[in-house]
Amino acid sequence: MREEATAFVPGHVTGFFSAHPDEDPTKAGSRGAGLTLTDGVEVSVEPAAESTVVLDGTEAEVEPVTTVLETLDVSARVEAAADLPIGAGFGVSGAMALGTALAANRVFERKLSANELVTIAHGAEVQAGTGLGDVVAQAQGGVPIRLEPGGPQDNKLDAIPSRARVEYVSFGELSTADVLSGDTEELTAAGKEALARVVEEPTLLSFMYASRLFARDAGLLTERVTETIAEVSEAGGQASMAMLGETVFALGTGLSDAGYEPSVCATHPAGAVLK
């Protein structure tokens, strides 16, 4: 047993998705596409008599993390530091689940493979209702396209072979659980159409266009997000809405050119890593 281990997991912004439920949470998930980000979450795990989760210095209830620890049959203190807003469409809960799985596997010498750990984290996230595709995307990095849902044993991933500067502004939270527990028929139809468009033309511009259409057709746009995307377009940029949060992300200097003071990062070249 080690004293401590730390993992870095990139943030993940989903541009569009379709929901695919299954009784087995490791087989459930989403199809879609998104950007992994150099802004992410650092997760440290150390053995403890009782499991606790600390996020940005404050003790927190993070159900996927608790489930990961229970699945691995360990008791640990998990400390997470996020570069990103919480609950705003950046995959923070998925990052915490995956980072916990990777770091706990090392600390407690569970000797599980990468796919096994991703499956555990993905299943925990789906079970909690906090996300459907972030974990598998964060494990891969880059600009992943999720062609089939589920964990590594079931899914199928591709990617857009590009890197980009990414800007983002967040105006608040949206509840992923509330959206996913409602009627997702319209959302899923829009997600399938967006995915077909990006598979046909796997470029960043195609991804941004498909993401904007999805946000509109799925009925997820808020007034503030709509205004911001329009302002970026008027300034000659490309922007869309992060799923699921009241957040706008743009390529290049889109938000800066529109007069905003955004956070700036880039697409992450690799997936989650142990430090």
Protein backbone atom coordinates (compact mmCIF):
# COMPACT_ATOMS: atom_id res chain seq x y z
CA MET A 1 0.00 0.00 0.00
CA ARG A 2 1.23 3.50 -0.88
CA GLU A 3 0.77 6.62 1.23
CA GLU A 4 -0.83 8.68 -1.55
CA ALA A 5 -1.39 8.88 -5.29
CA THR A 6 -2.58 11.74 -7.51
CA ALA A 7 -4.28 11.71 -10.91
CA PHE A 8 -5.04 14.52 -13.35
CA VAL A 9 -8.25 14.22 -15.37
CA PRO A 10 -9.03 16.73 -18.15
CA GLY A 11 -12.30 18.61 -18.13
CA HIS A 12 -14.80 17.65 -20.81
CA VAL A 13 -17.28 19.85 -22.64
CA THR A 14 -19.98 17.92 -24.50
CA GLY A 15 -21.26 19.65 -27.62
CA PHE A 16 -24.10 17.21 -28.33
CA PHE A 17 -25.29 13.79 -27.21
CA SER A 18 -28.03 11.20 -27.36
CA ALA A 19 -29.02 9.24 -24.25
CA HIS A 20 -28.94 5.42 -24.28
CA PRO A 21 -30.18 3.88 -21.00
CA ASP A 22 -29.56 0.29 -19.93
CA GLU A 23 -30.30 -1.68 -16.77
CA ASP A 24 -26.54 -2.23 -16.44
CA PRO A 25 -24.96 1.20 -15.77
CA THR A 26 -21.66 0.10 -17.33
CA LYS A 27 -23.50 -0.53 -20.64
CA ALA A 28 -25.64 2.63 -20.50
CA GLY A 29 -24.26 5.92 -21.71
CA SER A 30 -24.40 8.34 -24.61
CA ARG A 31 -23.33 8.87 -28.16
CA GLY A 32 -21.97 12.29 -29.03
CA ALA A 33 -18.85 14.43 -29.21
CA GLY A 34 -16.98 16.96 -27.13
CA LEU A 35 -13.68 18.58 -26.25
CA THR A 36 -11.39 17.47 -23.42
CA LEU A 37 -9.67 20.43 -21.77
CA THR A 38 -6.28 21.25 -20.30
CA ASP A 39 -8.28 22.79 -17.43
CA GLY A 40 -9.29 19.78 -15.36
CA VAL A 41 -9.37 18.17 -11.94
CA GLU A 42 -6.47 16.93 -9.83
CA VAL A 43 -7.52 14.09 -7.51
CA SER A 44 -5.40 12.82 -4.60
CA VAL A 45 -6.22 9.65 -2.65
CA GLU A 46 -4.76 8.47 0.66
CA PRO A 47 -5.85 5.66 3.00
CA ALA A 48 -8.18 6.70 5.84
CA ALA A 49 -10.23 5.04 8.57
CA GLU A 50 -13.40 6.58 7.08
CA SER A 51 -13.97 7.71 3.52
CA THR A 52 -14.31 11.46 2.98
CA VAL A 53 -14.41 13.60 -0.16
CA VAL A 54 -13.04 17.14 -0.21
CA LEU A 55 -13.62 19.38 -3.24
CA ASP A 56 -11.70 22.66 -3.42
CA GLY A 57 -11.12 22.61 0.33
CA THR A 58 -14.71 21.85 1.35
CA GLU A 59 -16.08 18.46 2.37
CA ALA A 60 -18.63 17.34 -0.22
CA GLU A 61 -21.02 14.52 -1.08
CA VAL A 62 -20.00 13.23 -4.50
CA GLU A 63 -21.97 10.04 -5.12
CA PRO A 64 -19.86 8.68 -8.02
CA VAL A 65 -16.69 8.95 -5.92
CA THR A 66 -18.32 7.12 -3.00
CA THR A 67 -19.47 4.36 -5.39
CA VAL A 68 -15.96 4.00 -6.86
CA LEU A 69 -14.45 3.59 -3.38
CA GLU A 70 -17.11 1.04 -2.42
CA THR A 71 -16.57 -0.91 -5.64
CA LEU A 72 -12.83 -1.05 -5.02
CA ASP A 73 -13.57 -1.99 -1.38
CA VAL A 74 -11.35 0.74 0.07
CA SER A 75 -11.63 3.50 2.65
CA ALA A 76 -9.87 6.71 1.66
CA ARG A 77 -9.66 10.47 1.88
CA VAL A 78 -10.20 11.92 -1.58
CA GLU A 79 -9.10 15.51 -2.21
CA ALA A 80 -9.99 17.15 -5.51
CA ALA A 81 -8.93 20.55 -6.86
CA ALA A 82 -10.89 21.73 -9.91
CA ASP A 83 -9.76 24.39 -12.40
CA LEU A 84 -13.36 24.51 -13.63
CA PRO A 85 -16.80 25.70 -12.47
CA ILE A 86 -18.85 22.99 -10.72
CA GLY A 87 -22.16 21.83 -12.22
CA ALA A 88 -21.70 23.92 -15.33
CA GLY A 89 -21.08 21.29 -18.01
CA PHE A 90 -17.37 20.51 -17.56
CA GLY A 91 -17.56 16.88 -16.38
CA VAL A 92 -16.18 17.58 -12.89
CA SER A 93 -18.04 14.69 -11.23
CA GLY A 94 -16.85 12.30 -13.95
CA ALA A 95 -13.30 13.58 -13.53
CA MET A 96 -13.49 13.02 -9.78
CA ALA A 97 -14.80 9.47 -10.25
CA LEU A 98 -12.12 8.56 -12.81
CA GLY A 99 -9.33 10.26 -10.87
CA THR A 100 -10.39 8.43 -7.72
CA ALA A 101 -10.40 5.09 -9.53
CA LEU A 102 -6.92 5.62 -10.99
CA ALA A 103 -5.34 6.93 -7.77
CA ALA A 104 -7.04 4.41 -5.45
CA ASN A 105 -5.96 1.54 -7.70
CA ARG A 106 -2.36 2.64 -7.22
CA VAL A 107 -2.57 3.42 -3.48
CA PHE A 108 -4.31 0.16 -2.57
CA GLU A 109 -2.52 -1.91 -5.24
CA ARG A 110 -5.76 -3.31 -6.68
CA LYS A 111 -3.93 -4.22 -9.93
CA LEU A 112 -6.86 -3.40 -12.21
CA SER A 113 -6.40 -2.44 -15.87
CA ALA A 114 -7.19 0.99 -17.32
CA ASN A 115 -10.36 -0.32 -18.97
CA GLU A 116 -11.53 -1.91 -15.73
CA LEU A 117 -11.03 1.37 -13.85
CA VAL A 118 -12.79 3.42 -16.54
CA THR A 119 -15.69 0.95 -16.45
CA ILE A 120 -16.02 1.34 -12.67
CA ALA A 121 -15.94 5.15 -12.87
CA HIS A 122 -18.32 5.29 -15.85
CA GLY A 123 -20.82 2.95 -14.13
CA ALA A 124 -20.67 5.02 -10.93
CA GLU A 125 -21.32 8.24 -12.85
CA VAL A 126 -24.27 6.78 -14.78
CA GLN A 127 -25.73 5.26 -11.62
CA ALA A 128 -25.60 8.65 -9.89
CA GLY A 129 -27.32 10.36 -12.83
CA THR A 130 -24.53 12.94 -13.06
CA GLY A 131 -23.31 12.10 -16.58
CA LEU A 132 -23.42 9.61 -19.42
CA GLY A 133 -20.28 10.09 -21.49
CA ASP A 134 -17.75 12.27 -19.68
CA VAL A 135 -15.68 9.47 -18.12
CA VAL A 136 -14.97 7.56 -21.34
CA ALA A 137 -14.12 10.83 -23.11
CA GLN A 138 -11.83 11.98 -20.28
CA ALA A 139 -10.03 8.64 -20.37
CA GLN A 140 -9.26 9.15 -24.08
CA GLY A 141 -8.49 12.89 -24.31
CA GLY A 142 -8.35 15.00 -27.46
CA VAL A 143 -11.64 15.65 -29.27
CA PRO A 144 -13.45 12.33 -28.77
CA ILE A 145 -16.45 11.13 -30.76
CA ARG A 146 -18.55 8.58 -28.86
CA LEU A 147 -19.97 6.33 -31.61
CA GLU A 148 -21.47 3.74 -29.25
CA PRO A 149 -22.52 4.13 -25.59
CA GLY A 150 -21.21 2.44 -22.47
CA GLY A 151 -17.90 1.64 -20.81
CA PRO A 152 -14.79 0.38 -22.63
CA GLN A 153 -16.08 -3.18 -23.02
CA ASP A 154 -19.11 -1.94 -24.99
CA ASN A 155 -18.45 1.47 -26.47
CA LYS A 156 -16.79 2.57 -29.67
CA LEU A 157 -14.76 5.78 -29.82
CA ASP A 158 -13.24 7.83 -32.60
CA ALA A 159 -11.88 11.37 -32.55
CA ILE A 160 -11.48 14.59 -34.54
CA PRO A 161 -7.71 14.79 -35.18
CA SER A 162 -7.30 18.45 -34.20
CA ARG A 163 -6.15 20.68 -31.37
CA ALA A 164 -7.52 24.11 -30.53
CA ARG A 165 -7.45 27.02 -28.12
CA VAL A 166 -10.72 27.00 -26.16
CA GLU A 167 -12.41 29.90 -24.34
CA TYR A 168 -15.39 29.62 -22.02
CA VAL A 169 -17.71 31.66 -19.83
CA SER A 170 -20.17 30.19 -17.35
CA PHE A 171 -23.34 31.91 -16.17
CA GLY A 172 -24.57 29.21 -13.80
CA GLU A 173 -25.55 25.60 -13.26
CA LEU A 174 -28.04 23.28 -14.93
CA SER A 175 -28.99 19.98 -13.33
CA THR A 176 -27.80 17.06 -15.46
CA ALA A 177 -29.93 14.69 -13.38
CA ASP A 178 -33.09 16.75 -14.00
CA VAL A 179 -32.55 16.80 -17.78
CA LEU A 180 -31.66 13.10 -17.98
CA SER A 181 -34.61 12.03 -15.84
CA GLY A 182 -37.07 13.89 -18.07
CA ASP A 183 -38.30 13.12 -21.59
CA THR A 184 -35.13 12.74 -23.67
CA GLU A 185 -36.81 11.73 -26.95
CA GLU A 186 -36.40 15.14 -28.63
CA LEU A 187 -32.88 15.48 -27.29
CA THR A 188 -31.85 12.05 -28.52
CA ALA A 189 -33.25 12.67 -32.02
CA ALA A 190 -31.27 15.93 -32.23
CA GLY A 191 -28.16 14.15 -30.90
CA LYS A 192 -28.33 11.41 -33.52
CA GLU A 193 -28.61 14.01 -36.30
CA ALA A 194 -25.63 15.97 -34.94
CA LEU A 195 -23.50 12.83 -34.66
CA ALA A 196 -24.26 11.83 -38.27
CA ARG A 197 -23.11 15.29 -39.40
CA VAL A 198 -19.78 15.06 -37.54
CA VAL A 199 -19.11 11.46 -38.60
CA GLU A 200 -19.57 12.58 -42.20
CA GLU A 201 -17.22 15.55 -41.71
CA PRO A 202 -15.00 15.08 -38.61
CA THR A 203 -13.67 18.63 -38.25
CA LEU A 204 -13.84 21.18 -35.44
CA LEU A 205 -15.98 23.55 -37.53
CA SER A 206 -18.44 20.75 -38.28
CA PHE A 207 -18.51 19.86 -34.57
CA MET A 208 -19.28 23.45 -33.54
CA TYR A 209 -22.03 23.78 -36.17
CA ALA A 210 -23.61 20.47 -35.15
CA SER A 211 -23.40 21.47 -31.47
CA ARG A 212 -25.24 24.75 -32.07
CA LEU A 213 -28.01 23.01 -34.00
CA PHE A 214 -28.31 20.38 -31.27
CA ALA A 215 -28.61 22.95 -28.47
CA ARG A 216 -31.41 24.67 -30.39
CA ASP A 217 -33.27 21.56 -31.54
CA ALA A 218 -33.05 19.86 -28.13
CA GLY A 219 -34.63 22.91 -26.49
CA LEU A 220 -31.76 23.41 -24.03
CA LEU A 221 -30.72 26.99 -24.85
CA THR A 222 -31.21 29.68 -22.22
CA GLU A 223 -31.67 33.35 -23.11
CA ARG A 224 -28.21 34.31 -21.83
CA VAL A 225 -26.51 31.49 -23.74
CA THR A 226 -28.41 32.33 -26.95
CA GLU A 227 -27.32 35.98 -26.74
CA THR A 228 -23.68 35.06 -26.14
CA ILE A 229 -23.50 32.57 -29.03
CA ALA A 230 -25.05 35.20 -31.33
CA GLU A 231 -22.50 37.82 -30.21
CA VAL A 232 -19.61 35.45 -30.92
CA SER A 233 -21.06 34.71 -34.39
CA GLU A 234 -21.39 38.45 -35.11
CA ALA A 235 -17.70 38.83 -34.19
CA GLY A 236 -16.83 36.11 -36.71
CA GLY A 237 -16.30 33.30 -34.18
CA GLN A 238 -17.64 29.84 -33.42
CA ALA A 239 -19.39 29.12 -30.10
CA SER A 240 -21.90 26.73 -28.60
CA MET A 241 -23.41 25.61 -25.28
CA ALA A 242 -21.78 23.12 -22.92
CA MET A 243 -23.94 20.09 -22.09
CA LEU A 244 -25.21 20.42 -19.48
CA GLY A 245 -24.59 23.84 -18.01
CA GLU A 246 -25.35 27.49 -18.62
CA THR A 247 -21.93 27.76 -20.22
CA VAL A 248 -20.72 28.96 -23.61
CA PHE A 249 -17.48 27.66 -25.11
CA ALA A 250 -15.75 28.97 -28.20
CA LEU A 251 -12.81 28.07 -30.40
CA GLY A 252 -9.84 30.40 -30.80
CA THR A 253 -10.57 33.92 -29.57
CA GLY A 254 -14.31 33.84 -30.24
CA LEU A 255 -15.47 35.06 -26.82
CA SER A 256 -12.62 37.56 -26.44
CA ASP A 257 -13.44 39.05 -29.85
CA ALA A 258 -17.08 39.40 -28.72
CA GLY A 259 -16.02 41.49 -25.72
CA TYR A 260 -16.04 38.86 -22.98
CA GLU A 261 -13.28 38.09 -20.48
CA PRO A 262 -13.30 34.28 -20.75
CA SER A 263 -11.28 31.57 -19.10
CA VAL A 264 -8.74 30.24 -21.61
CA CYS A 265 -7.38 26.72 -22.06
CA ALA A 266 -6.87 24.25 -24.89
CA THR A 267 -7.93 20.80 -25.95
CA HIS A 268 -6.04 18.23 -23.90
CA PRO A 269 -3.70 16.06 -26.00
CA ALA A 270 -4.12 12.95 -23.82
CA GLY A 271 -6.54 11.33 -21.41
CA ALA A 272 -6.46 11.02 -17.64
CA VAL A 273 -3.01 10.31 -16.17
CA LEU A 274 -1.42 9.39 -12.86
CA LYS A 275 1.10 12.00 -11.77
